[in-house]
Protein backbone atom coordinates (compact mmCIF):
# COMPACT_ATOMS: atom_id res chain seq x y z
CA MET A 1 0.02 0.07 0.03
CA PHE A 2 2.66 2.55 1.02
CA SER A 3 4.78 1.77 -2.02
CA LYS A 4 1.89 2.27 -4.30
CA ALA A 5 1.06 5.69 -2.74
CA PHE A 6 4.68 6.66 -2.71
CA SER A 7 4.99 5.80 -6.41
CA SER A 8 2.07 8.03 -7.31
CA VAL A 9 3.54 10.95 -5.45
CA LEU A 10 6.82 10.47 -7.26
CA ALA A 11 4.92 10.20 -10.60
CA THR A 12 3.19 13.53 -9.86
CA PHE A 13 6.44 15.23 -9.14
CA ALA A 14 8.06 13.79 -12.24
CA ALA A 15 5.17 14.79 -14.46
CA ALA A 16 5.53 18.45 -13.66
CA ASN A 17 8.50 20.52 -13.07
CA ILE A 18 8.02 24.18 -13.60
CA ASN A 19 11.71 24.89 -14.00
CA GLU A 20 12.19 22.14 -16.63
CA ASP A 21 8.96 22.90 -18.45
CA ASN A 22 9.72 26.65 -18.70
CA HIS A 23 13.58 26.40 -19.11
CA GLU A 24 13.64 28.70 -22.12
CA LEU A 25 11.40 31.24 -20.43
CA LEU A 26 13.38 31.24 -17.05
CA HIS A 27 16.76 31.45 -18.86
CA GLY A 28 15.80 34.36 -21.13
CA GLU A 29 16.03 32.22 -24.32
CA LYS A 30 12.37 32.85 -24.95
CA GLN A 31 10.67 36.12 -24.20
CA LEU A 32 8.07 36.08 -21.48
CA HIS A 33 4.76 37.42 -22.73
CA ALA A 34 1.21 37.79 -21.20
CA ILE A 35 0.09 34.52 -22.67
CA HIS A 36 2.68 32.74 -20.53
CA MET A 37 1.52 34.26 -17.22
CA GLN A 38 -1.68 32.32 -16.38
CA PRO A 39 -0.17 28.85 -17.27
CA LEU A 40 3.03 29.58 -15.29
CA TRP A 41 1.03 30.72 -12.33
CA GLU A 42 -1.28 27.66 -12.54
CA GLN A 43 1.68 25.30 -12.82
CA PHE A 44 3.41 27.03 -9.89
CA LYS A 45 0.16 26.53 -7.80
CA GLN A 46 -0.21 22.99 -8.86
CA GLU A 47 3.42 22.13 -7.84
CA PHE A 48 3.83 24.22 -4.75
CA ASP A 49 0.43 25.02 -3.20
CA ALA A 50 0.60 22.19 -0.67
CA VAL A 51 4.07 23.14 0.53
CA SER A 52 4.06 26.90 0.07
CA PRO A 53 4.48 28.80 3.39
CA VAL A 54 2.03 31.44 2.16
CA GLU A 55 -1.45 31.31 0.74
CA LEU A 56 -1.26 31.47 -2.99
CA ASN A 57 -3.67 34.31 -3.52
CA GLN A 58 -3.61 37.32 -5.74
CA ASP A 59 -0.82 39.13 -3.72
CA ALA A 60 1.32 36.03 -3.94
CA MET A 61 0.64 35.88 -7.68
CA PHE A 62 2.06 39.45 -8.09
CA THR A 63 5.04 38.62 -5.94
CA PHE A 64 5.58 35.41 -7.90
CA PHE A 65 5.78 37.34 -11.22
CA GLU A 66 8.22 39.79 -9.67
CA ASN A 67 10.30 36.82 -8.66
CA VAL A 68 10.08 35.32 -12.18
CA ASP A 69 11.37 38.51 -13.57
CA LYS A 70 14.38 38.39 -11.08
CA VAL A 71 15.06 34.86 -12.07
CA ILE A 72 14.99 35.58 -15.75
CA GLU A 73 17.20 38.63 -15.26
CA HIS A 74 19.73 36.74 -13.31
CA ASN A 75 19.67 33.60 -15.53
CA SER A 76 20.19 35.80 -18.67
CA GLN A 77 23.51 36.98 -17.55
CA GLU A 78 26.36 35.41 -19.36
CA ASN A 79 28.99 35.43 -16.48
CA LYS A 80 26.65 34.07 -13.72
CA SER A 81 28.24 31.56 -11.31
CA PHE A 82 24.93 29.89 -10.41
CA THR A 83 21.46 29.51 -11.81
CA LYS A 84 18.22 30.58 -10.20
CA ALA A 85 14.99 28.52 -10.13
CA LEU A 86 11.40 28.63 -8.84
CA ASN A 87 10.58 26.93 -5.68
CA LYS A 88 7.99 26.92 -2.88
CA PHE A 89 9.25 30.42 -1.69
CA SER A 90 8.60 32.02 -5.13
CA GLY A 91 5.28 33.48 -4.04
CA MET A 92 6.90 35.25 -0.96
CA ASN A 93 8.56 38.73 -0.87
CA PHE A 94 11.79 39.20 0.97
CA LYS A 95 10.15 40.32 4.20
CA GLN A 96 7.78 37.18 4.23
CA PHE A 97 10.92 34.99 3.50
CA SER A 98 12.87 36.63 6.17
CA ASP A 99 10.07 36.35 8.81
CA TYR A 100 9.43 32.73 7.77
CA THR A 101 13.18 31.67 8.05
CA HIS A 102 13.68 34.03 11.07
CA LEU A 103 16.47 35.64 9.03
CA ARG A 104 16.57 38.76 11.19
CA ASP A 105 16.65 36.68 14.45
CA ASN A 106 19.58 34.75 13.11
CA GLN A 107 21.51 37.92 12.05
CA GLU A 108 20.91 39.39 15.45
CA ASN A 109 22.17 36.26 17.27
CA ALA A 110 25.37 36.15 14.99
CA GLU A 111 26.38 39.60 16.14
C-alpha cells in the first residue's frame, strides 16, 4: 500500500517540473509574454500550493511574477556563477521569507 502511494507521489512530481517545463523562459532564451503568465502561475500553484508557506492568493501571484522577472534577469547574465530557479518560496517577498526563516533573528544572534 505504502509503495503504491509513494510511487504515485513520485509520478506526480516527475510529471510536472516548472523549471524544466519553462527552461527557455526562465533563462531568457524565449521572451516572456502575457500569454505565458496564467499557465506559469497555474503550474506553480499545482506544484507548490501544498508546501508553500504562504497562501497562493492574488498578492502572492504578483510577488511570484516579480520573482520570475528576477530569475529571468539573473539567468540571462552570461557570467553568472549559479542558476536561479522557482521553488515553494517564489510566492513570497523578501520580508515574508525573512520572517518565515527568522533571518533577522539569526542575524541578530550572530552579532
